[in-house]
């Protein structure tokens, strides 16, 4: 690879080499097929060109030849699909022990929040050798989170979460782009992914005071009055949220849905969309009341409730909620 005319961006993640290999394969097969077609056209054009004094005569087709040149290219093209599908499922399936990072896109910046509470703007610090799962949403329009060196690109949508993951392999600073036109300053919506050795990352992570994201969510859960209905000691007017995340939930209309991040998010912003079986639609919406960052903290807190409780703090209902009562994640 030339320093001044690189054919490929840096390969800085575990998926980068695999994506490049597929792309090179696509180019090689396409080049070979194109060359064979042009050679066949030239040979046939010369062999069967018009010759003075010779009349043209009909050439009957060959069924075997037609089947052959249909099946062989089909088999070759099918390898594109199989290889691409394998890579797609790898890219779309984060490892279960991935470190989660929340990303909020906004015209025209990236706001990042780590589970440990550290926040960044237009930068994301990560260690090498660690699976990182990004949970992305947009405050306004559609954006696209693109890191060429990692070979990942994920649309970031308003009103819902999308996810992407990577494992960085090489320390350095790598460009982050928005790859979806998002308004006047779209070209300026960039940033950097800073990949560090694990020891350096640990020092950076401990560099400033911060509260874990789930702890922030726990405080919001109490201050917004959610614990009034979502009780953990007795059954309240809302479902008990312990061990709910990523589990099937039976709805009032008979459907069963998975309580993933998008389900929890929708239940906070549009609680009547999916009513849990056995409960009434009494929860008010928090649309416009809480920010996306606060919403991320609440989602992180609900997810943390799948872990065994370490104490009783925060398990009792709040005495004086600041927002409407009867909250219920449906």
Protein backbone atom coordinates (compact mmCIF):
# COMPACT_ATOMS: atom_id res chain seq x y z
CA UNK A 1 0.00 0.00 0.00
CA UNK A 2 1.44 3.31 -1.02
CA UNK A 3 1.74 6.01 1.61
CA UNK A 4 0.57 8.66 -0.84
CA UNK A 5 -1.93 6.62 -2.87
CA UNK A 6 -3.46 3.98 -0.60
CA UNK A 7 -5.73 1.46 -2.27
CA UNK A 8 -7.54 0.74 0.99
CA UNK A 9 -8.14 2.59 4.26
CA UNK A 10 -6.30 1.29 7.33
CA UNK A 11 -7.45 -2.09 8.60
CA UNK A 12 -8.04 -1.44 12.29
CA UNK A 13 -10.76 -3.91 13.30
CA UNK A 14 -11.31 -7.65 13.24
CA UNK A 15 -13.90 -7.32 10.45
CA UNK A 16 -11.85 -5.02 8.19
CA UNK A 17 -9.74 -7.75 6.61
CA UNK A 18 -12.76 -9.98 6.02
CA UNK A 19 -14.68 -7.18 4.30
CA UNK A 20 -11.67 -6.34 2.15
CA UNK A 21 -11.22 -10.00 1.16
CA UNK A 22 -14.83 -10.17 -0.04
CA UNK A 23 -14.46 -6.91 -1.94
CA UNK A 24 -11.24 -8.07 -3.63
CA UNK A 25 -12.98 -11.32 -4.56
CA UNK A 26 -15.86 -9.36 -6.10
CA UNK A 27 -13.41 -7.28 -8.15
CA UNK A 28 -11.41 -10.30 -9.31
CA UNK A 29 -14.45 -12.34 -10.35
CA UNK A 30 -16.02 -9.32 -12.07
CA UNK A 31 -12.74 -8.61 -13.89
CA UNK A 32 -12.33 -12.22 -15.02
CA UNK A 33 -15.95 -12.46 -16.18
CA UNK A 34 -15.67 -9.15 -18.05
CA UNK A 35 -12.45 -10.27 -19.70
CA UNK A 36 -13.95 -13.61 -20.78
CA UNK A 37 -16.98 -11.87 -22.26
CA UNK A 38 -14.85 -9.42 -24.26
CA UNK A 39 -12.55 -12.21 -25.47
CA UNK A 40 -15.57 -14.27 -26.57
CA UNK A 41 -17.05 -11.29 -28.41
CA UNK A 42 -13.78 -10.58 -30.24
CA UNK A 43 -13.16 -14.24 -31.18
CA UNK A 44 -16.69 -14.75 -32.44
CA UNK A 45 -16.70 -11.43 -34.29
CA UNK A 46 -13.51 -12.38 -36.13
CA UNK A 47 -14.43 -16.02 -36.78
CA UNK A 48 -17.91 -15.30 -38.04
CA UNK A 49 -17.26 -11.99 -39.78
CA UNK A 50 -18.74 -11.42 -43.24
CA UNK A 51 -16.56 -12.91 -45.99
CA UNK A 52 -17.02 -11.97 -49.67
CA UNK A 53 -18.52 -14.79 -51.74
CA UNK A 54 -19.79 -16.72 -48.72
CA UNK A 55 -23.42 -16.71 -47.73
CA UNK A 56 -24.39 -16.70 -44.09
CA UNK A 57 -26.05 -19.85 -42.77
CA UNK A 58 -28.10 -20.59 -39.68
CA UNK A 59 -26.26 -22.03 -36.65
CA UNK A 60 -28.49 -24.08 -34.37
CA UNK A 61 -28.19 -23.54 -30.59
CA UNK A 62 -26.77 -26.05 -28.12
CA UNK A 63 -28.89 -26.88 -25.09
CA UNK A 64 -25.86 -28.24 -23.21
CA UNK A 65 -23.89 -25.06 -23.92
CA UNK A 66 -26.76 -22.82 -22.79
CA UNK A 67 -27.25 -24.80 -19.57
CA UNK A 68 -23.51 -24.69 -18.88
CA UNK A 69 -23.12 -20.95 -19.31
CA UNK A 70 -26.18 -20.40 -17.13
CA UNK A 71 -25.36 -22.74 -14.24
CA UNK A 72 -21.63 -21.96 -13.87
CA UNK A 73 -22.05 -18.14 -13.63
CA UNK A 74 -25.03 -18.66 -11.30
CA UNK A 75 -22.88 -20.79 -9.01
CA UNK A 76 -20.11 -18.19 -9.05
CA UNK A 77 -22.53 -15.37 -8.27
CA UNK A 78 -24.09 -17.46 -5.50
CA UNK A 79 -20.75 -17.39 -3.69
CA UNK A 80 -21.14 -13.59 -3.46
CA UNK A 81 -24.42 -14.05 -1.62
CA UNK A 82 -23.20 -16.79 0.73
CA UNK A 83 -19.97 -15.00 1.67
CA UNK A 84 -21.77 -11.67 2.02
CA UNK A 85 -24.52 -13.21 4.16
CA UNK A 86 -21.98 -14.77 6.53
CA UNK A 87 -20.24 -11.40 6.97
CA UNK A 88 -23.57 -9.61 7.38
CA UNK A 89 -24.68 -11.86 10.24
CA UNK A 90 -21.29 -11.46 11.91
CA UNK A 91 -21.57 -7.68 11.67
CA UNK A 92 -25.17 -7.66 12.92
CA UNK A 93 -24.61 -9.95 15.93
CA UNK A 94 -22.61 -8.29 18.73
CA UNK A 95 -20.94 -10.70 21.18
CA UNK A 96 -22.91 -11.11 24.39
CA UNK A 97 -20.15 -9.62 26.56
CA UNK A 98 -19.68 -6.47 24.44
CA UNK A 99 -19.04 -3.17 26.18
CA UNK A 100 -22.00 -0.89 25.44
CA UNK A 101 -21.67 2.75 24.40
CA UNK A 102 -24.62 5.07 23.69
CA UNK A 103 -24.33 7.48 20.76
CA UNK A 104 -26.76 10.33 20.04
CA UNK A 105 -26.52 12.02 16.64
CA UNK A 106 -27.53 15.66 16.31
CA UNK A 107 -27.09 18.28 13.62
CA UNK A 108 -24.13 18.37 13.45
CA UNK A 109 -22.28 16.41 16.11
CA UNK A 110 -21.93 13.01 17.75
CA UNK A 111 -22.63 12.83 21.48
CA UNK A 112 -21.15 9.75 23.16
CA UNK A 113 -21.80 8.36 26.62
CA UNK A 114 -20.01 5.37 28.13
CA UNK A 115 -21.71 3.07 30.61
CA UNK A 116 -19.20 4.25 33.21
CA UNK A 117 -20.59 7.78 32.74
CA UNK A 118 -17.81 9.45 30.73
CA UNK A 119 -19.14 11.69 27.97
CA UNK A 120 -17.53 12.81 24.73
CA UNK A 121 -18.43 14.95 21.73
CA UNK A 122 -17.17 13.95 18.28
CA UNK A 123 -14.75 11.48 19.86
CA UNK A 124 -14.96 7.91 21.04
CA UNK A 125 -12.18 6.36 23.10
CA UNK A 126 -12.00 2.55 23.03
CA UNK A 127 -9.40 -0.07 23.98
CA UNK A 128 -7.88 -2.62 21.63
CA UNK A 129 -9.11 -6.20 21.88
CA UNK A 130 -12.52 -5.33 23.38
CA UNK A 131 -15.86 -5.88 21.65
CA UNK A 132 -17.71 -2.54 21.56
CA UNK A 133 -21.46 -2.38 20.95
CA UNK A 134 -22.80 1.00 19.84
CA UNK A 135 -26.43 1.84 20.62
CA UNK A 136 -27.29 4.74 18.33
CA UNK A 137 -30.19 7.14 17.95
CA UNK A 138 -30.80 10.56 16.37
CA UNK A 139 -32.36 13.69 17.82
CA UNK A 140 -33.45 15.08 14.47
CA UNK A 141 -32.87 13.55 11.01
CA UNK A 142 -31.32 10.38 9.61
CA UNK A 143 -27.55 10.22 10.02
CA UNK A 144 -25.06 7.45 9.22
CA UNK A 145 -22.24 6.40 11.54
CA UNK A 146 -19.28 5.47 9.30
CA UNK A 147 -15.76 4.41 10.34
CA UNK A 148 -13.85 3.45 7.17
CA UNK A 149 -10.92 1.89 9.05
CA UNK A 150 -13.31 -0.48 10.84
CA UNK A 151 -15.45 -1.12 7.70
CA UNK A 152 -18.67 -0.38 9.57
CA UNK A 153 -21.49 1.95 8.59
CA UNK A 154 -24.84 2.12 10.35
CA UNK A 155 -27.84 4.37 9.74
CA UNK A 156 -28.83 6.35 12.83
CA UNK A 157 -32.57 6.96 12.96
CA UNK A 158 -34.76 9.34 14.96
CA UNK A 159 -37.26 7.68 17.27
CA UNK A 160 -35.51 4.33 17.66
CA UNK A 161 -32.22 2.59 18.39
CA UNK A 162 -29.94 0.93 15.88
CA UNK A 163 -26.82 -1.01 16.80
CA UNK A 164 -23.36 -1.68 15.43
CA UNK A 165 -20.28 -3.33 16.90
CA UNK A 166 -16.55 -3.67 16.33
CA UNK A 167 -13.32 -4.87 17.93
CA UNK A 168 -10.42 -2.50 17.35
CA UNK A 169 -7.05 -4.14 16.73
CA UNK A 170 -4.58 -1.29 16.21
CA UNK A 171 -4.00 1.79 18.40
CA UNK A 172 -4.39 5.10 16.61
CA UNK A 173 -6.83 7.83 15.66
CA UNK A 174 -9.36 6.97 12.96
CA UNK A 175 -11.84 9.22 11.20
CA UNK A 176 -15.56 9.08 11.90
CA UNK A 177 -17.93 10.42 9.24
CA UNK A 178 -21.63 10.99 8.77
CA UNK A 179 -22.34 9.17 5.49
CA UNK A 180 -25.95 10.37 5.09
CA UNK A 181 -26.71 13.91 3.91
CA UNK A 182 -28.22 15.51 7.01
CA UNK A 183 -28.36 19.25 6.27
CA UNK A 184 -26.27 22.32 5.63
CA UNK A 185 -23.22 21.33 7.69
CA UNK A 186 -23.29 17.64 6.82
CA UNK A 187 -19.70 17.70 5.59
CA UNK A 188 -18.55 19.02 8.97
CA UNK A 189 -20.23 16.27 10.98
CA UNK A 190 -17.18 14.16 11.70
CA UNK A 191 -15.03 13.05 14.55
CA UNK A 192 -12.37 10.59 15.65
CA UNK A 193 -12.26 7.11 17.10
CA UNK A 194 -9.29 6.99 19.47
CA UNK A 195 -8.05 3.42 19.93
CA UNK A 196 -5.81 2.93 22.95
CA UNK A 197 -3.93 0.12 24.61
CA UNK A 198 -5.98 -1.34 27.50
CA UNK A 199 -3.69 0.18 30.15
CA UNK A 200 -3.89 3.64 28.61
CA UNK A 201 -7.63 3.30 28.24
CA UNK A 202 -8.01 2.40 31.91
CA UNK A 203 -6.08 5.54 32.86
CA UNK A 204 -8.22 7.66 30.52
CA UNK A 205 -11.44 6.14 31.86
CA UNK A 206 -10.42 6.98 35.44
CA UNK A 207 -9.42 10.52 34.51
CA UNK A 208 -12.55 12.37 35.60
CA UNK A 209 -15.45 12.14 38.04
CA UNK A 210 -18.55 10.54 36.61
CA UNK A 211 -21.56 8.51 37.69
CA UNK A 212 -22.33 5.24 35.90
CA UNK A 213 -25.11 5.59 33.36
CA UNK A 214 -27.35 3.11 35.15
CA UNK A 215 -26.95 5.08 38.39
CA UNK A 216 -28.10 8.23 36.59
CA UNK A 217 -31.04 6.25 35.27
CA UNK A 218 -31.84 4.99 38.76
CA UNK A 219 -32.00 8.57 40.08
CA UNK A 220 -34.25 9.59 37.18
CA UNK A 221 -36.44 6.55 37.81
CA UNK A 222 -37.08 7.83 41.32
CA UNK A 223 -37.37 11.55 40.53
CA UNK A 224 -39.82 10.99 37.68
CA UNK A 225 -42.08 8.90 39.90
CA UNK A 226 -41.57 5.63 38.02
CA UNK A 227 -41.02 3.70 41.27
CA UNK A 228 -44.53 4.65 42.43
CA UNK A 229 -46.07 2.14 40.02
CA UNK A 230 -43.12 -0.05 39.08
CA UNK A 231 -42.51 -1.44 42.56
CA UNK A 232 -40.04 -4.20 43.36
CA UNK A 233 -41.43 -5.25 46.77
CA UNK A 234 -45.11 -5.74 45.88
CA UNK A 235 -47.14 -5.64 42.69
CA UNK A 236 -47.86 -2.06 41.65
CA UNK A 237 -50.00 -0.58 38.91
CA UNK A 238 -47.17 -1.19 36.48
CA UNK A 239 -45.14 -4.33 35.79
CA UNK A 240 -42.20 -5.25 37.97
CA UNK A 241 -39.20 -4.41 35.77
CA UNK A 242 -36.71 -6.76 37.40
CA UNK A 243 -35.44 -9.36 34.91
CA UNK A 244 -37.68 -8.00 32.15
CA UNK A 245 -35.03 -6.82 29.71
CA UNK A 246 -34.47 -9.06 26.67
CA UNK A 247 -37.24 -11.42 27.79
CA UNK A 248 -40.55 -12.15 25.99
CA UNK A 249 -43.49 -10.04 27.18
CA UNK A 250 -47.14 -11.01 26.70
CA UNK A 251 -49.29 -8.09 25.55
CA UNK A 252 -52.96 -7.39 26.15
CA UNK A 253 -53.79 -8.12 22.50
CA UNK A 254 -52.28 -11.62 22.72
CA UNK A 255 -48.99 -10.83 20.98
CA UNK A 256 -45.61 -11.64 22.49
CA UNK A 257 -42.73 -9.19 21.96
CA UNK A 258 -39.11 -9.09 23.05
CA UNK A 259 -38.29 -6.45 25.67
CA UNK A 260 -35.18 -5.08 23.94
CA UNK A 261 -33.84 -1.51 23.95
CA UNK A 262 -36.39 -0.30 21.41
CA UNK A 263 -39.26 -1.84 23.38
CA UNK A 264 -38.18 -0.07 26.57
CA UNK A 265 -37.66 3.20 24.70
CA UNK A 266 -41.08 3.03 23.04
CA UNK A 267 -42.74 2.14 26.34
CA UNK A 268 -41.37 5.32 27.92
CA UNK A 269 -42.22 7.64 25.04
CA UNK A 270 -45.41 5.97 23.78
CA UNK A 271 -46.65 3.76 26.65
CA UNK A 272 -50.01 2.92 25.06
CA UNK A 273 -48.40 1.37 21.96
CA UNK A 274 -47.91 -2.03 23.61
CA UNK A 275 -49.94 -2.71 26.76
CA UNK A 276 -48.69 -5.55 28.97
CA UNK A 277 -51.26 -8.24 29.65
CA UNK A 278 -53.03 -7.68 32.97
CA UNK A 279 -52.32 -3.94 33.18
CA UNK A 280 -54.30 -0.86 32.19
CA UNK A 281 -53.00 1.95 29.92
CA UNK A 282 -52.55 4.46 32.75
CA UNK A 283 -48.95 5.50 32.13
CA UNK A 284 -48.45 9.05 30.71
CA UNK A 285 -46.00 9.73 27.94
CA UNK A 286 -42.59 11.23 28.62
CA UNK A 287 -42.19 12.42 25.03
CA UNK A 288 -40.77 15.95 25.20
CA UNK A 289 -40.24 15.71 28.96
CA UNK A 290 -36.92 13.89 29.00
CA UNK A 291 -33.92 14.25 26.68
CA UNK A 292 -32.35 11.47 24.63
CA UNK A 293 -29.48 11.31 27.11
CA UNK A 294 -31.93 10.86 30.01
CA UNK A 295 -33.81 8.26 27.98
CA UNK A 296 -30.56 6.35 27.44
CA UNK A 297 -29.92 6.43 31.19
CA UNK A 298 -33.40 5.05 31.94
CA UNK A 299 -32.95 2.27 29.39
CA UNK A 300 -29.55 1.42 30.89
CA UNK A 301 -31.13 1.26 34.35
CA UNK A 302 -33.92 -1.06 33.22
CA UNK A 303 -31.30 -3.30 31.61
CA UNK A 304 -29.28 -3.34 34.83
CA UNK A 305 -32.29 -4.70 36.73
CA UNK A 306 -31.60 -8.09 35.14
CA UNK A 307 -28.65 -8.36 37.51
CA UNK A 308 -29.17 -9.61 41.08
CA UNK A 309 -29.87 -6.61 43.37
CA UNK A 310 -26.91 -5.63 45.56
CA UNK A 311 -28.95 -3.72 48.13
CA UNK A 312 -32.30 -2.21 48.92
CA UNK A 313 -31.50 1.41 48.10
CA UNK A 314 -33.85 2.82 45.56
CA UNK A 315 -36.28 -0.10 45.73
CA UNK A 316 -38.94 1.82 47.59
CA UNK A 317 -41.28 4.21 45.77
CA UNK A 318 -40.33 7.88 45.60
CA UNK A 319 -42.18 10.06 48.08
CA UNK A 320 -42.66 13.15 45.93
CA UNK A 321 -42.28 12.54 42.19
CA UNK A 322 -41.55 15.59 40.10
CA UNK A 323 -43.42 14.38 37.03
CA UNK A 324 -46.80 12.71 36.36
CA UNK A 325 -47.54 9.55 38.32
CA UNK A 326 -48.63 6.08 37.25
CA UNK A 327 -45.65 5.46 34.99
CA UNK A 328 -45.65 2.04 33.44
CA UNK A 329 -43.24 0.55 30.95
CA UNK A 330 -45.52 -1.50 28.81
